[in-house]
Structures are given as structure tokens and as C-alpha cells.
């Protein structure tokens, strides 16, 4: 992976952040990342970059470690992608129901 000029530590950090985002997508009730990504790939990658650059990922880690109350799909207020996840949930629902984007 030296082609990317990133250290193994940086690559591990990117993978960790991407993993947190994938878990948050599931926690928000949207579904697997591949489903979420298909709703709007450009917005997905923009959100992914926000997540990779997140300065408060420790809050995300703690939030995701807590048990989810039944029916709870709210993304916490500290998440820079909170609005994106809410909009994404609507897009994915529309796609699943065969509606418009």
C-alpha cells in the first residue's frame, strides 16, 4: 500500500473510521453499507470522508458500544453525518418501496 503514501497507522485509522461509519449505518436502521451506498454514491463518499476525518470518533465508539433501545434509530447529535444518515434512511426506504429518489 505504499503507492498511496500512507503509513500503516494511517491506513488502519481509515479502516477503523470506515468501520465505525458502517456500524452507524446499521445502528441507524438503514441497512448494510452496500445498500446505503447505492442510494446516492456521491453523497455516500462525501459522508465517508467526513467520517474518516472525524475528530470525535471516541464518542462514536462509545455510542456504538451501548445497547440499542428497541426501535431506536436516532443518530447522535455529535455525528457530523447526522443529517446525511436521516436523509439516507429516507432514500433507502424509497428505493426499497420502488418510489422516487
C-alpha atoms as a PDB file:
ATOM      1  CA  UNK A   1       0.000   0.000   0.000  1.00  0.00           C
ATOM      2  CA  UNK A   2       2.966   2.337  -0.244  1.00  0.00           C
ATOM      3  CA  UNK A   3       1.502   3.565  -3.548  1.00  0.00           C
ATOM      4  CA  UNK A   4      -0.835   5.758  -1.521  1.00  0.00           C
ATOM      5  CA  UNK A   5       1.995   7.304   0.511  1.00  0.00           C
ATOM      6  CA  UNK A   6       0.174   6.458   3.729  1.00  0.00           C
ATOM      7  CA  UNK A   7       1.705   4.763   6.720  1.00  0.00           C
ATOM      8  CA  UNK A   8       0.256   1.523   8.047  1.00  0.00           C
ATOM      9  CA  UNK A   9      -1.016   3.524  11.032  1.00  0.00           C
ATOM     10  CA  UNK A  10      -2.874   5.948   8.755  1.00  0.00           C
ATOM     11  CA  UNK A  11      -4.390   3.083   6.767  1.00  0.00           C
ATOM     12  CA  UNK A  12      -5.505   1.390   9.986  1.00  0.00           C
ATOM     13  CA  UNK A  13      -7.109   4.662  11.114  1.00  0.00           C
ATOM     14  CA  UNK A  14      -9.003   4.981   7.834  1.00  0.00           C
ATOM     15  CA  UNK A  15     -10.217   1.395   8.131  1.00  0.00           C
ATOM     16  CA  UNK A  16     -11.295   1.993  11.748  1.00  0.00           C
ATOM     17  CA  UNK A  17     -13.270   5.122  10.817  1.00  0.00           C
ATOM     18  CA  UNK A  18     -14.900   3.400   7.840  1.00  0.00           C
ATOM     19  CA  UNK A  19     -15.867   0.541  10.145  1.00  0.00           C
ATOM     20  CA  UNK A  20     -17.473   2.966  12.592  1.00  0.00           C
ATOM     21  CA  UNK A  21     -19.484   4.503   9.762  1.00  0.00           C
ATOM     22  CA  UNK A  22     -20.622   1.079   8.587  1.00  0.00           C
ATOM     23  CA  UNK A  23     -21.759   0.251  12.122  1.00  0.00           C
ATOM     24  CA  UNK A  24     -23.569   3.596  12.452  1.00  0.00           C
ATOM     25  CA  UNK A  25     -25.447   2.911   9.194  1.00  0.00           C
ATOM     26  CA  UNK A  26     -26.664  -0.370  10.678  1.00  0.00           C
ATOM     27  CA  UNK A  27     -27.447   1.256  14.021  1.00  0.00           C
ATOM     28  CA  UNK A  28     -29.486   3.951  12.248  1.00  0.00           C
ATOM     29  CA  UNK A  29     -31.613   1.196  10.729  1.00  0.00           C
ATOM     30  CA  UNK A  30     -30.555   1.976   7.166  1.00  0.00           C
ATOM     31  CA  UNK A  31     -29.091  -1.412   6.357  1.00  0.00           C
ATOM     32  CA  UNK A  32     -25.748  -2.672   5.120  1.00  0.00           C
ATOM     33  CA  UNK A  33     -23.301  -0.148   3.667  1.00  0.00           C
ATOM     34  CA  UNK A  34     -23.665  -1.529   0.146  1.00  0.00           C
ATOM     35  CA  UNK A  35     -27.395  -0.772   0.255  1.00  0.00           C
ATOM     36  CA  UNK A  36     -26.789   2.686   1.675  1.00  0.00           C
ATOM     37  CA  UNK A  37     -24.056   3.415  -0.861  1.00  0.00           C
ATOM     38  CA  UNK A  38     -26.338   2.548  -3.775  1.00  0.00           C
ATOM     39  CA  UNK A  39     -28.910   5.194  -2.759  1.00  0.00           C
ATOM     40  CA  UNK A  40     -26.543   8.037  -3.701  1.00  0.00           C
ATOM     41  CA  UNK A  41     -22.897   7.068  -4.255  1.00  0.00           C
ATOM     42  CA  UNK A  42     -21.577  10.648  -4.460  1.00  0.00           C
ATOM     43  CA  UNK A  43     -23.139  11.679  -1.157  1.00  0.00           C
ATOM     44  CA  UNK A  44     -22.018   8.400   0.412  1.00  0.00           C
ATOM     45  CA  UNK A  45     -18.367   9.066  -0.405  1.00  0.00           C
ATOM     46  CA  UNK A  46     -18.618  12.660   0.800  1.00  0.00           C
ATOM     47  CA  UNK A  47     -20.002  11.388   4.103  1.00  0.00           C
ATOM     48  CA  UNK A  48     -17.309   8.702   4.233  1.00  0.00           C
ATOM     49  CA  UNK A  49     -14.633  11.399   4.008  1.00  0.00           C
ATOM     50  CA  UNK A  50     -16.287  13.317   6.856  1.00  0.00           C
ATOM     51  CA  UNK A  51     -16.227  10.179   8.929  1.00  0.00           C
ATOM     52  CA  UNK A  52     -12.598   9.426   8.128  1.00  0.00           C
ATOM     53  CA  UNK A  53     -11.654  12.953   9.210  1.00  0.00           C
ATOM     54  CA  UNK A  54     -13.829  12.926  12.342  1.00  0.00           C
ATOM     55  CA  UNK A  55     -12.185  14.365  15.433  1.00  0.00           C
ATOM     56  CA  UNK A  56     -14.677  12.848  17.888  1.00  0.00           C
ATOM     57  CA  UNK A  57     -14.644   9.208  16.866  1.00  0.00           C
ATOM     58  CA  UNK A  58     -14.218   8.187  20.510  1.00  0.00           C
ATOM     59  CA  UNK A  59     -17.792   9.417  21.093  1.00  0.00           C
ATOM     60  CA  UNK A  60     -18.957   7.261  18.193  1.00  0.00           C
ATOM     61  CA  UNK A  61     -17.125   4.234  19.552  1.00  0.00           C
ATOM     62  CA  UNK A  62     -18.756   4.668  22.972  1.00  0.00           C
ATOM     63  CA  UNK A  63     -22.205   5.240  21.452  1.00  0.00           C
ATOM     64  CA  UNK A  64     -21.956   2.140  19.292  1.00  0.00           C
ATOM     65  CA  UNK A  65     -20.832   0.066  22.293  1.00  0.00           C
ATOM     66  CA  UNK A  66     -24.091   0.843  24.130  1.00  0.00           C
ATOM     67  CA  UNK A  67     -27.049  -1.474  23.673  1.00  0.00           C
ATOM     68  CA  UNK A  68     -29.620  -0.030  21.291  1.00  0.00           C
ATOM     69  CA  UNK A  69     -33.033   0.547  22.806  1.00  0.00           C
ATOM     70  CA  UNK A  70     -35.800  -1.210  20.873  1.00  0.00           C
ATOM     71  CA  UNK A  71     -36.783   0.834  17.844  1.00  0.00           C
ATOM     72  CA  UNK A  72     -34.091   3.482  18.414  1.00  0.00           C
ATOM     73  CA  UNK A  73     -32.561   4.629  15.136  1.00  0.00           C
ATOM     74  CA  UNK A  74     -31.620   8.203  16.037  1.00  0.00           C
ATOM     75  CA  UNK A  75     -28.074   9.202  15.141  1.00  0.00           C
ATOM     76  CA  UNK A  76     -26.433  11.139  17.992  1.00  0.00           C
ATOM     77  CA  UNK A  77     -26.089  14.909  17.771  1.00  0.00           C
ATOM     78  CA  UNK A  78     -22.273  14.800  17.830  1.00  0.00           C
ATOM     79  CA  UNK A  79     -22.215  12.988  14.466  1.00  0.00           C
ATOM     80  CA  UNK A  80     -21.188  15.221  11.546  1.00  0.00           C
ATOM     81  CA  UNK A  81     -23.209  12.927   9.273  1.00  0.00           C
ATOM     82  CA  UNK A  82     -26.432  13.029  11.300  1.00  0.00           C
ATOM     83  CA  UNK A  83     -28.441  14.843   8.609  1.00  0.00           C
ATOM     84  CA  UNK A  84     -26.936  12.658   5.900  1.00  0.00           C
ATOM     85  CA  UNK A  85     -27.965   9.488   7.737  1.00  0.00           C
ATOM     86  CA  UNK A  86     -31.511  10.803   8.199  1.00  0.00           C
ATOM     87  CA  UNK A  87     -31.820  11.688   4.518  1.00  0.00           C
ATOM     88  CA  UNK A  88     -30.198   8.408   3.538  1.00  0.00           C
ATOM     89  CA  UNK A  89     -32.729   6.441   5.543  1.00  0.00           C
ATOM     90  CA  UNK A  90     -35.485   8.094   3.519  1.00  0.00           C
ATOM     91  CA  UNK A  91     -33.741   7.421   0.182  1.00  0.00           C
ATOM     92  CA  UNK A  92     -33.160   3.759   1.019  1.00  0.00           C
ATOM     93  CA  UNK A  93     -36.798   3.366   2.120  1.00  0.00           C
ATOM     94  CA  UNK A  94     -37.953   4.913  -1.148  1.00  0.00           C
ATOM     95  CA  UNK A  95     -35.706   2.582  -3.156  1.00  0.00           C
ATOM     96  CA  UNK A  96     -36.972  -0.445  -1.245  1.00  0.00           C
ATOM     97  CA  UNK A  97     -40.564   0.609  -1.836  1.00  0.00           C
ATOM     98  CA  UNK A  98     -39.892   1.293  -5.511  1.00  0.00           C
ATOM     99  CA  UNK A  99     -40.507   5.027  -5.116  1.00  0.00           C
ATOM    100  CA  UNK A 100     -38.616   8.002  -6.453  1.00  0.00           C
ATOM    101  CA  UNK A 101     -35.241   9.024  -5.096  1.00  0.00           C
END
